PDB file of N, CA and C in Angstrom:
ATOM      1  N   MET A   1      -3.423   2.336 -21.070  1.00  0.00           N
ATOM      2  CA  MET A   1      -3.581   1.172 -20.244  1.00  0.00           C
ATOM      3  C   MET A   1      -4.198   1.005 -19.351  1.00  0.00           C
ATOM      4  N   SER A   2      -4.547  -0.243 -19.116  1.00  0.00           N
ATOM      5  CA  SER A   2      -5.815   0.121 -17.900  1.00  0.00           C
ATOM      6  C   SER A   2      -4.707  -0.785 -16.603  1.00  0.00           C
ATOM      7  N   GLU A   3      -4.998  -0.268 -15.589  1.00  0.00           N
ATOM      8  CA  GLU A   3      -4.228  -0.930 -14.244  1.00  0.00           C
ATOM      9  C   GLU A   3      -4.708  -2.412 -14.114  1.00  0.00           C
ATOM     10  N   ARG A   4      -3.595  -2.972 -13.843  1.00  0.00           N
ATOM     11  CA  ARG A   4      -3.489  -4.998 -13.738  1.00  0.00           C
ATOM     12  C   ARG A   4      -3.832  -5.041 -12.140  1.00  0.00           C
ATOM     13  N   ARG A   5      -4.442  -6.109 -12.075  1.00  0.00           N
ATOM     14  CA  ARG A   5      -4.865  -6.454 -10.439  1.00  0.00           C
ATOM     15  C   ARG A   5      -3.655  -7.207 -10.101  1.00  0.00           C
ATOM     16  N   VAL A   6      -2.846  -7.517  -9.048  1.00  0.00           N
ATOM     17  CA  VAL A   6      -1.912  -8.023  -8.707  1.00  0.00           C
ATOM     18  C   VAL A   6      -2.308  -9.050  -7.958  1.00  0.00           C
ATOM     19  N   ILE A   7      -1.808 -10.410  -8.409  1.00  0.00           N
ATOM     20  CA  ILE A   7      -1.930 -11.759  -7.358  1.00  0.00           C
ATOM     21  C   ILE A   7       0.148 -12.158  -6.709  1.00  0.00           C
ATOM     22  N   PHE A   8      -0.189 -11.673  -5.702  1.00  0.00           N
ATOM     23  CA  PHE A   8       1.184 -12.557  -4.922  1.00  0.00           C
ATOM     24  C   PHE A   8       0.918 -13.739  -4.992  1.00  0.00           C
ATOM     25  N   ILE A   9       1.808 -14.525  -5.285  1.00  0.00           N
ATOM     26  CA  ILE A   9       1.981 -15.925  -5.217  1.00  0.00           C
ATOM     27  C   ILE A   9       2.696 -16.212  -4.004  1.00  0.00           C
ATOM     28  N   GLY A  10       2.253 -17.209  -3.628  1.00  0.00           N
ATOM     29  CA  GLY A  10       2.937 -17.542  -1.638  1.00  0.00           C
ATOM     30  C   GLY A  10       3.443 -19.022  -1.705  1.00  0.00           C
ATOM     31  N   LYS A  11       2.594 -19.403  -0.735  1.00  0.00           N
ATOM     32  CA  LYS A  11       2.900 -21.019  -0.610  1.00  0.00           C
ATOM     33  C   LYS A  11       1.756 -21.885  -0.398  1.00  0.00           C
ATOM     34  N   LYS A  12       0.826 -21.515  -0.408  1.00  0.00           N
ATOM     35  CA  LYS A  12      -0.494 -22.361  -0.875  1.00  0.00           C
ATOM     36  C   LYS A  12      -0.578 -22.609  -2.108  1.00  0.00           C
ATOM     37  N   PRO A  13      -1.339 -23.984  -1.970  1.00  0.00           N
ATOM     38  CA  PRO A  13      -1.238 -24.765  -3.711  1.00  0.00           C
ATOM     39  C   PRO A  13      -1.359 -23.918  -4.549  1.00  0.00           C
ATOM     40  N   LEU A  14      -1.101 -24.794  -6.135  1.00  0.00           N
ATOM     41  CA  LEU A  14      -1.183 -24.476  -7.150  1.00  0.00           C
ATOM     42  C   LEU A  14      -2.905 -23.771  -7.630  1.00  0.00           C
ATOM     43  N   HIS A  15      -3.922 -24.672  -7.351  1.00  0.00           N
ATOM     44  CA  HIS A  15      -4.792 -24.620  -7.879  1.00  0.00           C
ATOM     45  C   HIS A  15      -5.575 -23.424  -6.599  1.00  0.00           C
ATOM     46  N   SER A  16      -5.293 -23.059  -6.291  1.00  0.00           N
ATOM     47  CA  SER A  16      -5.638 -22.058  -5.124  1.00  0.00           C
ATOM     48  C   SER A  16      -5.454 -20.384  -6.125  1.00  0.00           C
ATOM     49  N   TYR A  17      -4.139 -20.536  -6.941  1.00  0.00           N
ATOM     50  CA  TYR A  17      -3.576 -19.160  -7.588  1.00  0.00           C
ATOM     51  C   TYR A  17      -4.062 -19.523  -8.891  1.00  0.00           C
ATOM     52  N   VAL A  18      -4.581 -20.276  -9.300  1.00  0.00           N
ATOM     53  CA  VAL A  18      -5.223 -20.311 -10.647  1.00  0.00           C
ATOM     54  C   VAL A  18      -6.432 -19.777 -10.335  1.00  0.00           C
ATOM     55  N   ARG A  19      -7.379 -20.154  -9.327  1.00  0.00           N
ATOM     56  CA  ARG A  19      -8.629 -19.905  -9.047  1.00  0.00           C
ATOM     57  C   ARG A  19      -8.756 -18.721  -9.135  1.00  0.00           C
ATOM     58  N   ALA A  20      -7.687 -17.648  -8.317  1.00  0.00           N
ATOM     59  CA  ALA A  20      -7.932 -16.584  -8.276  1.00  0.00           C
ATOM     60  C   ALA A  20      -7.397 -15.527  -9.473  1.00  0.00           C
ATOM     61  N   VAL A  21      -6.879 -16.535 -10.450  1.00  0.00           N
ATOM     62  CA  VAL A  21      -6.725 -15.530 -11.888  1.00  0.00           C
ATOM     63  C   VAL A  21      -8.036 -15.785 -12.420  1.00  0.00           C
ATOM     64  N   VAL A  22      -8.687 -16.797 -12.211  1.00  0.00           N
ATOM     65  CA  VAL A  22     -10.002 -17.182 -12.867  1.00  0.00           C
ATOM     66  C   VAL A  22     -11.059 -16.615 -12.643  1.00  0.00           C
ATOM     67  N   MET A  23     -11.080 -16.018 -11.116  1.00  0.00           N
ATOM     68  CA  MET A  23     -12.040 -15.282 -10.361  1.00  0.00           C
ATOM     69  C   MET A  23     -11.876 -13.522 -10.663  1.00  0.00           C
ATOM     70  N   ALA A  24     -10.575 -13.294 -11.114  1.00  0.00           N
ATOM     71  CA  ALA A  24     -10.579 -11.969 -10.880  1.00  0.00           C
ATOM     72  C   ALA A  24     -10.891 -11.903 -12.760  1.00  0.00           C
ATOM     73  N   MET A  25     -10.683 -12.524 -13.641  1.00  0.00           N
ATOM     74  CA  MET A  25     -11.123 -12.548 -15.179  1.00  0.00           C
ATOM     75  C   MET A  25     -12.330 -12.600 -15.156  1.00  0.00           C
ATOM     76  N   GLU A  26     -12.892 -13.284 -14.389  1.00  0.00           N
ATOM     77  CA  GLU A  26     -14.930 -13.484 -14.461  1.00  0.00           C
ATOM     78  C   GLU A  26     -15.282 -12.522 -13.648  1.00  0.00           C
ATOM     79  N   SER A  27     -14.545 -11.596 -13.118  1.00  0.00           N
ATOM     80  CA  SER A  27     -15.103 -10.181 -12.693  1.00  0.00           C
ATOM     81  C   SER A  27     -14.404  -9.319 -13.539  1.00  0.00           C
ATOM     82  N   GLY A  28     -14.421  -9.120 -14.824  1.00  0.00           N
ATOM     83  CA  GLY A  28     -14.153  -8.307 -15.913  1.00  0.00           C
ATOM     84  C   GLY A  28     -12.534  -8.299 -15.512  1.00  0.00           C
ATOM     85  N   ASP A  29     -11.459  -8.347 -15.027  1.00  0.00           N
ATOM     86  CA  ASP A  29     -10.273  -7.885 -14.721  1.00  0.00           C
ATOM     87  C   ASP A  29      -9.677  -9.050 -15.616  1.00  0.00           C
ATOM     88  N   HIS A  30      -9.226  -8.446 -17.067  1.00  0.00           N
ATOM     89  CA  HIS A  30      -8.676  -9.315 -17.575  1.00  0.00           C
ATOM     90  C   HIS A  30      -7.234  -9.188 -17.927  1.00  0.00           C
ATOM     91  N   SER A  31      -6.512  -8.083 -17.503  1.00  0.00           N
ATOM     92  CA  SER A  31      -5.079  -7.838 -16.860  1.00  0.00           C
ATOM     93  C   SER A  31      -4.716  -8.255 -15.703  1.00  0.00           C
ATOM     94  N   ILE A  32      -3.670  -9.033 -15.703  1.00  0.00           N
ATOM     95  CA  ILE A  32      -3.418  -9.632 -14.101  1.00  0.00           C
ATOM     96  C   ILE A  32      -1.612  -9.740 -14.020  1.00  0.00           C
ATOM     97  N   GLN A  33      -1.441  -9.441 -13.021  1.00  0.00           N
ATOM     98  CA  GLN A  33       0.099  -9.476 -12.926  1.00  0.00           C
ATOM     99  C   GLN A  33       0.046 -10.538 -11.664  1.00  0.00           C
ATOM    100  N   LEU A  34       1.086 -11.634 -11.978  1.00  0.00           N
ATOM    101  CA  LEU A  34       1.584 -12.441 -11.041  1.00  0.00           C
ATOM    102  C   LEU A  34       3.144 -11.995 -10.328  1.00  0.00           C
ATOM    103  N   VAL A  35       3.391 -12.113  -9.127  1.00  0.00           N
ATOM    104  CA  VAL A  35       4.280 -11.388  -8.471  1.00  0.00           C
ATOM    105  C   VAL A  35       4.639 -12.764  -7.337  1.00  0.00           C
ATOM    106  N   ALA A  36       5.974 -12.875  -7.612  1.00  0.00           N
ATOM    107  CA  ALA A  36       6.503 -13.881  -6.607  1.00  0.00           C
ATOM    108  C   ALA A  36       7.651 -13.354  -6.375  1.00  0.00           C
ATOM    109  N   ARG A  37       8.363 -14.137  -4.821  1.00  0.00           N
ATOM    110  CA  ARG A  37       9.483 -13.632  -4.512  1.00  0.00           C
ATOM    111  C   ARG A  37      10.192 -15.007  -4.085  1.00  0.00           C
ATOM    112  N   GLY A  38      11.913 -14.929  -4.884  1.00  0.00           N
ATOM    113  CA  GLY A  38      12.521 -16.075  -4.167  1.00  0.00           C
ATOM    114  C   GLY A  38      11.941 -17.520  -4.217  1.00  0.00           C
ATOM    115  N   ALA A  39      11.634 -18.618  -3.409  1.00  0.00           N
ATOM    116  CA  ALA A  39      11.135 -19.382  -3.585  1.00  0.00           C
ATOM    117  C   ALA A  39       9.903 -19.852  -4.256  1.00  0.00           C
ATOM    118  N   THR A  40       9.285 -18.794  -4.513  1.00  0.00           N
ATOM    119  CA  THR A  40       7.550 -19.590  -4.704  1.00  0.00           C
ATOM    120  C   THR A  40       7.776 -18.808  -6.471  1.00  0.00           C
ATOM    121  N   ILE A  41       9.051 -18.588  -7.102  1.00  0.00           N
ATOM    122  CA  ILE A  41       8.967 -18.146  -8.355  1.00  0.00           C
ATOM    123  C   ILE A  41       8.708 -19.187  -9.367  1.00  0.00           C
ATOM    124  N   SER A  42       8.949 -20.410  -9.095  1.00  0.00           N
ATOM    125  CA  SER A  42       8.765 -21.867  -9.889  1.00  0.00           C
ATOM    126  C   SER A  42       7.022 -21.978  -9.722  1.00  0.00           C
ATOM    127  N   ARG A  43       6.448 -21.640  -8.523  1.00  0.00           N
ATOM    128  CA  ARG A  43       5.066 -21.592  -8.702  1.00  0.00           C
ATOM    129  C   ARG A  43       4.572 -20.630  -9.533  1.00  0.00           C
ATOM    130  N   ALA A  44       4.877 -19.442  -9.670  1.00  0.00           N
ATOM    131  CA  ALA A  44       4.366 -18.408 -10.234  1.00  0.00           C
ATOM    132  C   ALA A  44       4.424 -19.011 -11.935  1.00  0.00           C
ATOM    133  N   VAL A  45       5.494 -19.335 -12.145  1.00  0.00           N
ATOM    134  CA  VAL A  45       5.650 -19.766 -13.705  1.00  0.00           C
ATOM    135  C   VAL A  45       4.873 -21.022 -13.971  1.00  0.00           C
ATOM    136  N   ASP A  46       4.368 -22.001 -13.025  1.00  0.00           N
ATOM    137  CA  ASP A  46       3.355 -22.798 -13.162  1.00  0.00           C
ATOM    138  C   ASP A  46       2.160 -22.411 -13.062  1.00  0.00           C
ATOM    139  N   VAL A  47       1.603 -21.496 -13.004  1.00  0.00           N
ATOM    140  CA  VAL A  47       0.251 -20.865 -12.274  1.00  0.00           C
ATOM    141  C   VAL A  47       0.345 -20.039 -13.958  1.00  0.00           C
ATOM    142  N   ALA A  48       0.749 -19.349 -14.641  1.00  0.00           N
ATOM    143  CA  ALA A  48       1.034 -18.605 -15.474  1.00  0.00           C
ATOM    144  C   ALA A  48       0.748 -19.890 -16.746  1.00  0.00           C
ATOM    145  N   GLU A  49       1.309 -21.230 -16.523  1.00  0.00           N
ATOM    146  CA  GLU A  49       1.680 -21.986 -17.908  1.00  0.00           C
ATOM    147  C   GLU A  49      -0.062 -22.923 -17.724  1.00  0.00           C
ATOM    148  N   VAL A  50      -0.346 -22.690 -16.715  1.00  0.00           N
ATOM    149  CA  VAL A  50      -1.714 -23.390 -16.477  1.00  0.00           C
ATOM    150  C   VAL A  50      -2.847 -23.042 -16.790  1.00  0.00           C
ATOM    151  N   CYS A  51      -2.712 -21.492 -16.724  1.00  0.00           N
ATOM    152  CA  CYS A  51      -3.622 -20.725 -17.287  1.00  0.00           C
ATOM    153  C   CYS A  51      -3.740 -20.280 -18.629  1.00  0.00           C
ATOM    154  N   ARG A  52      -2.554 -20.525 -19.128  1.00  0.00           N
ATOM    155  CA  ARG A  52      -1.835 -20.004 -20.729  1.00  0.00           C
ATOM    156  C   ARG A  52      -2.742 -21.576 -21.390  1.00  0.00           C
ATOM    157  N   ARG A  53      -2.197 -22.505 -20.512  1.00  0.00           N
ATOM    158  CA  ARG A  53      -2.843 -23.505 -21.499  1.00  0.00           C
ATOM    159  C   ARG A  53      -3.888 -23.927 -21.346  1.00  0.00           C
ATOM    160  N   ARG A  54      -4.729 -23.312 -20.461  1.00  0.00           N
ATOM    161  CA  ARG A  54      -6.167 -23.541 -19.940  1.00  0.00           C
ATOM    162  C   ARG A  54      -6.418 -25.018 -19.616  1.00  0.00           C
ATOM    163  N   SER A  55      -5.105 -25.464 -18.785  1.00  0.00           N
ATOM    164  CA  SER A  55      -5.444 -27.007 -18.292  1.00  0.00           C
ATOM    165  C   SER A  55      -6.024 -27.217 -16.976  1.00  0.00           C
ATOM    166  N   GLY A  56      -6.928 -28.024 -16.952  1.00  0.00           N
ATOM    167  CA  GLY A  56      -7.200 -28.234 -15.853  1.00  0.00           C
ATOM    168  C   GLY A  56      -8.633 -28.095 -15.696  1.00  0.00           C
ATOM    169  N   HIS A  57      -9.406 -28.788 -14.263  1.00  0.00           N
ATOM    170  CA  HIS A  57     -10.683 -28.200 -14.734  1.00  0.00           C
ATOM    171  C   HIS A  57     -11.260 -26.817 -14.199  1.00  0.00           C
ATOM    172  N   ILE A  58     -10.422 -26.243 -13.253  1.00  0.00           N
ATOM    173  CA  ILE A  58     -10.327 -25.292 -12.398  1.00  0.00           C
ATOM    174  C   ILE A  58     -10.448 -23.933 -13.828  1.00  0.00           C
ATOM    175  N   ALA A  59      -9.328 -23.875 -14.669  1.00  0.00           N
ATOM    176  CA  ALA A  59      -8.742 -23.437 -15.749  1.00  0.00           C
ATOM    177  C   ALA A  59      -9.970 -23.118 -16.850  1.00  0.00           C
ATOM    178  N   GLN A  60     -10.603 -24.022 -17.167  1.00  0.00           N
ATOM    179  CA  GLN A  60     -11.622 -23.979 -18.023  1.00  0.00           C
ATOM    180  C   GLN A  60     -12.075 -22.933 -18.156  1.00  0.00           C
ATOM    181  N   ASN A  61     -12.617 -22.156 -17.413  1.00  0.00           N
ATOM    182  CA  ASN A  61     -13.615 -21.321 -16.850  1.00  0.00           C
ATOM    183  C   ASN A  61     -12.685 -19.821 -17.445  1.00  0.00           C
ATOM    184  N   LEU A  62     -11.028 -19.908 -17.669  1.00  0.00           N
ATOM    185  CA  LEU A  62     -10.522 -18.455 -17.959  1.00  0.00           C
ATOM    186  C   LEU A  62     -11.077 -18.053 -19.748  1.00  0.00           C
ATOM    187  N   PRO A  63     -11.228 -16.584 -20.080  1.00  0.00           N
ATOM    188  CA  PRO A  63     -10.972 -16.295 -21.424  1.00  0.00           C
ATOM    189  C   PRO A  63     -10.364 -17.279 -22.422  1.00  0.00           C
ATOM    190  N   GLU A  64     -11.220 -16.929 -23.519  1.00  0.00           N
ATOM    191  CA  GLU A  64     -10.393 -18.130 -24.905  1.00  0.00           C
ATOM    192  C   GLU A  64      -9.482 -18.157 -25.266  1.00  0.00           C
ATOM    193  N   THR A  65      -8.192 -17.235 -24.808  1.00  0.00           N
ATOM    194  CA  THR A  65      -7.164 -17.191 -25.015  1.00  0.00           C
ATOM    195  C   THR A  65      -6.478 -16.190 -23.642  1.00  0.00           C
ATOM    196  N   VAL A  66      -5.525 -16.734 -23.510  1.00  0.00           N
ATOM    197  CA  VAL A  66      -4.781 -16.235 -22.106  1.00  0.00           C
ATOM    198  C   VAL A  66      -3.193 -16.129 -22.134  1.00  0.00           C
ATOM    199  N   THR A  67      -2.685 -14.948 -22.452  1.00  0.00           N
ATOM    200  CA  THR A  67      -1.221 -14.794 -23.408  1.00  0.00           C
ATOM    201  C   THR A  67      -0.383 -13.956 -21.820  1.00  0.00           C
ATOM    202  N   ILE A  68       0.763 -14.403 -22.174  1.00  0.00           N
ATOM    203  CA  ILE A  68       1.749 -14.057 -21.166  1.00  0.00           C
ATOM    204  C   ILE A  68       2.282 -12.930 -22.307  1.00  0.00           C
ATOM    205  N   GLU A  69       2.386 -11.550 -21.516  1.00  0.00           N
ATOM    206  CA  GLU A  69       2.193 -10.362 -22.368  1.00  0.00           C
ATOM    207  C   GLU A  69       4.076  -9.977 -22.273  1.00  0.00           C
ATOM    208  N   ARG A  70       4.178 -10.309 -20.375  1.00  0.00           N
ATOM    209  CA  ARG A  70       5.850  -9.560 -20.226  1.00  0.00           C
ATOM    210  C   ARG A  70       6.219  -9.991 -18.778  1.00  0.00           C
ATOM    211  N   LEU A  71       7.197 -10.440 -18.945  1.00  0.00           N
ATOM    212  CA  LEU A  71       7.679 -10.951 -17.847  1.00  0.00           C
ATOM    213  C   LEU A  71       9.044  -9.884 -17.191  1.00  0.00           C
ATOM    214  N   SER A  72       9.062  -9.461 -16.463  1.00  0.00           N
ATOM    215  CA  SER A  72       9.732  -9.218 -15.620  1.00  0.00           C
ATOM    216  C   SER A  72      10.732  -9.891 -14.329  1.00  0.00           C
ATOM    217  N   CYS A  73      12.206  -9.210 -14.558  1.00  0.00           N
ATOM    218  CA  CYS A  73      12.929 -10.139 -13.270  1.00  0.00           C
ATOM    219  C   CYS A  73      13.940  -8.965 -13.365  1.00  0.00           C
ATOM    220  N   GLU A  74      13.222  -9.106 -11.436  1.00  0.00           N
ATOM    221  CA  GLU A  74      14.666  -8.067 -11.283  1.00  0.00           C
ATOM    222  C   GLU A  74      14.864  -8.281  -9.160  1.00  0.00           C
ATOM    223  N   SER A  75      15.459  -7.473  -8.444  1.00  0.00           N
ATOM    224  CA  SER A  75      15.667  -8.285  -7.041  1.00  0.00           C
ATOM    225  C   SER A  75      15.217  -6.825  -6.506  1.00  0.00           C
ATOM    226  N   GLU A  76      14.386  -7.173  -4.893  1.00  0.00           N
ATOM    227  CA  GLU A  76      14.195  -5.859  -3.836  1.00  0.00           C
ATOM    228  C   GLU A  76      14.449  -6.367  -2.661  1.00  0.00           C
ATOM    229  N   GLU A  77      15.166  -5.208  -1.900  1.00  0.00           N
ATOM    230  CA  GLU A  77      15.892  -5.394  -0.663  1.00  0.00           C
ATOM    231  C   GLU A  77      14.744  -4.995  -0.195  1.00  0.00           C
ATOM    232  N   LEU A  78      14.654  -6.061   0.975  1.00  0.00           N
ATOM    233  CA  LEU A  78      13.709  -6.877   2.367  1.00  0.00           C
ATOM    234  C   LEU A  78      13.964  -6.133   3.580  1.00  0.00           C
ATOM    235  N   THR A  79      13.390  -6.157   4.153  1.00  0.00           N
ATOM    236  CA  THR A  79      14.139  -5.531   5.558  1.00  0.00           C
ATOM    237  C   THR A  79      13.371  -6.589   6.811  1.00  0.00           C
ATOM    238  N   ASN A  80      13.948  -7.385   7.543  1.00  0.00           N
ATOM    239  CA  ASN A  80      13.022  -8.488   8.084  1.00  0.00           C
ATOM    240  C   ASN A  80      12.732  -8.119   9.457  1.00  0.00           C
ATOM    241  N   ASP A  81      12.335  -8.881  10.171  1.00  0.00           N
ATOM    242  CA  ASP A  81      12.159  -8.294  11.857  1.00  0.00           C
ATOM    243  C   ASP A  81      13.123  -7.929  12.608  1.00  0.00           C
ATOM    244  N   GLU A  82      14.336  -8.492  12.337  1.00  0.00           N
ATOM    245  CA  GLU A  82      15.382  -7.856  13.224  1.00  0.00           C
ATOM    246  C   GLU A  82      16.359  -7.158  12.351  1.00  0.00           C
ATOM    247  N   GLY A  83      15.476  -6.291  11.267  1.00  0.00           N
ATOM    248  CA  GLY A  83      16.728  -5.107  10.898  1.00  0.00           C
ATOM    249  C   GLY A  83      17.663  -5.610   9.587  1.00  0.00           C
ATOM    250  N   LYS A  84      17.998  -6.462   9.603  1.00  0.00           N
ATOM    251  CA  LYS A  84      18.312  -7.556   8.424  1.00  0.00           C
ATOM    252  C   LYS A  84      18.112  -7.075   6.897  1.00  0.00           C
ATOM    253  N   VAL A  85      18.670  -6.461   5.978  1.00  0.00           N
ATOM    254  CA  VAL A  85      18.323  -6.205   4.888  1.00  0.00           C
ATOM    255  C   VAL A  85      18.571  -7.284   3.842  1.00  0.00           C
ATOM    256  N   ARG A  86      18.003  -7.791   3.365  1.00  0.00           N
ATOM    257  CA  ARG A  86      17.792  -9.094   2.808  1.00  0.00           C
ATOM    258  C   ARG A  86      17.559  -8.700   1.151  1.00  0.00           C
ATOM    259  N   THR A  87      18.652  -9.424  -0.109  1.00  0.00           N
ATOM    260  CA  THR A  87      18.204  -9.051  -1.457  1.00  0.00           C
ATOM    261  C   THR A  87      17.434 -10.254  -1.851  1.00  0.00           C
ATOM    262  N   VAL A  88      16.363  -9.928  -2.487  1.00  0.00           N
ATOM    263  CA  VAL A  88      15.247 -11.156  -2.969  1.00  0.00           C
ATOM    264  C   VAL A  88      15.440 -11.065  -4.458  1.00  0.00           C
ATOM    265  N   SER A  89      15.275 -12.139  -5.042  1.00  0.00           N
ATOM    266  CA  SER A  89      14.719 -11.692  -6.579  1.00  0.00           C
ATOM    267  C   SER A  89      13.154 -12.178  -6.603  1.00  0.00           C
ATOM    268  N   VAL A  90      12.682 -11.224  -7.659  1.00  0.00           N
ATOM    269  CA  VAL A  90      11.150 -11.154  -7.778  1.00  0.00           C
ATOM    270  C   VAL A  90      10.925 -11.414  -8.941  1.00  0.00           C
ATOM    271  N   LEU A  91      10.035 -12.447  -9.533  1.00  0.00           N
ATOM    272  CA  LEU A  91       9.408 -12.165 -11.093  1.00  0.00           C
ATOM    273  C   LEU A  91       8.076 -11.590 -11.043  1.00  0.00           C
ATOM    274  N   ARG A  92       8.021 -10.660 -12.041  1.00  0.00           N
ATOM    275  CA  ARG A  92       6.583 -10.280 -12.311  1.00  0.00           C
ATOM    276  C   ARG A  92       6.138 -10.965 -13.703  1.00  0.00           C
ATOM    277  N   ILE A  93       4.754 -11.670 -13.978  1.00  0.00           N
ATOM    278  CA  ILE A  93       4.423 -12.006 -15.042  1.00  0.00           C
ATOM    279  C   ILE A  93       2.985 -11.247 -15.225  1.00  0.00           C
ATOM    280  N   ASP A  94       2.706 -10.782 -16.745  1.00  0.00           N
ATOM    281  CA  ASP A  94       1.558 -10.026 -16.893  1.00  0.00           C
ATOM    282  C   ASP A  94       1.040 -10.766 -17.867  1.00  0.00           C
ATOM    283  N   LEU A  95      -0.427 -11.245 -17.493  1.00  0.00           N
ATOM    284  CA  LEU A  95      -1.306 -11.787 -17.845  1.00  0.00           C
ATOM    285  C   LEU A  95      -2.122 -11.272 -18.949  1.00  0.00           C
ATOM    286  N   GLN A  96      -3.005 -11.605 -19.619  1.00  0.00           N
ATOM    287  CA  GLN A  96      -3.788 -10.896 -20.638  1.00  0.00           C
ATOM    288  C   GLN A  96      -5.323 -11.915 -21.176  1.00  0.00           C
ATOM    289  N   GLY A  97      -6.246 -11.567 -20.593  1.00  0.00           N
ATOM    290  CA  GLY A  97      -7.056 -13.071 -21.232  1.00  0.00           C
ATOM    291  C   GLY A  97      -7.965 -11.586 -22.544  1.00  0.00           C
ATOM    292  N   GLU A  98      -8.503 -13.185 -23.153  1.00  0.00           N
ATOM    293  CA  GLU A  98      -8.982 -11.961 -24.537  1.00  0.00           C
ATOM    294  C   GLU A  98     -10.075 -13.107 -24.689  1.00  0.00           C
ATOM    295  N   GLY A  99     -11.333 -12.438 -25.080  1.00  0.00           N
ATOM    296  CA  GLY A  99     -12.426 -13.292 -25.389  1.00  0.00           C
ATOM    297  C   GLY A  99     -13.633 -13.724 -24.295  1.00  0.00           C
ATOM    298  N   GLN A 100     -14.253 -14.648 -24.205  1.00  0.00           N
ATOM    299  CA  GLN A 100     -15.006 -14.660 -23.531  1.00  0.00           C
ATOM    300  C   GLN A 100     -14.707 -16.201 -22.758  1.00  0.00           C
ATOM    301  N   SER A 101     -15.485 -16.002 -21.662  1.00  0.00           N
ATOM    302  CA  SER A 101     -15.291 -17.345 -20.770  1.00  0.00           C
ATOM    303  C   SER A 101     -16.607 -18.713 -20.629  1.00  0.00           C
ATOM    304  N   GLU A 102     -16.060 -19.653 -20.904  1.00  0.00           N
ATOM    305  CA  GLU A 102     -16.946 -20.235 -20.735  1.00  0.00           C
ATOM    306  C   GLU A 102     -18.370 -20.223 -20.084  1.00  0.00           C
ATOM    307  N   THR A 103     -18.169 -19.794 -18.861  1.00  0.00           N
ATOM    308  CA  THR A 103     -19.284 -19.643 -18.478  1.00  0.00           C
ATOM    309  C   THR A 103     -19.898 -18.370 -18.365  1.00  0.00           C
ATOM    310  N   SER A 104     -19.442 -17.360 -19.121  1.00  0.00           N
ATOM    311  CA  SER A 104     -20.277 -16.126 -19.464  1.00  0.00           C
ATOM    312  C   SER A 104     -20.840 -16.408 -20.809  1.00  0.00           C
ATOM    313  N   GLU A 105     -21.999 -15.672 -20.995  1.00  0.00           N
ATOM    314  CA  GLU A 105     -23.198 -15.748 -22.195  1.00  0.00           C
ATOM    315  C   GLU A 105     -23.059 -15.247 -22.373  1.00  0.00           C
TER     316      GLU A 105
END
């Protein structure tokens, strides 16, 4: 299995992350992992669904089929600047693009 490109989901607008997935797949990385922690988990789910459904103008450049291969839910312990340890939920979504994108000929 080839190594997946990892895209960390943060607080930017949804289309920024969809564009990152499109750019990665256009450059030949058809295996993508979205990683989100805490409050950004819902945004990661939205990004995965927009890509899977190929909905919206930006997502039209994705490969013919984008599937969600695997979901992983776990928790991580993070240490803040003050030295306090916090447990945070983490969601990992593995996307796989198959086929040609509309822009590639």
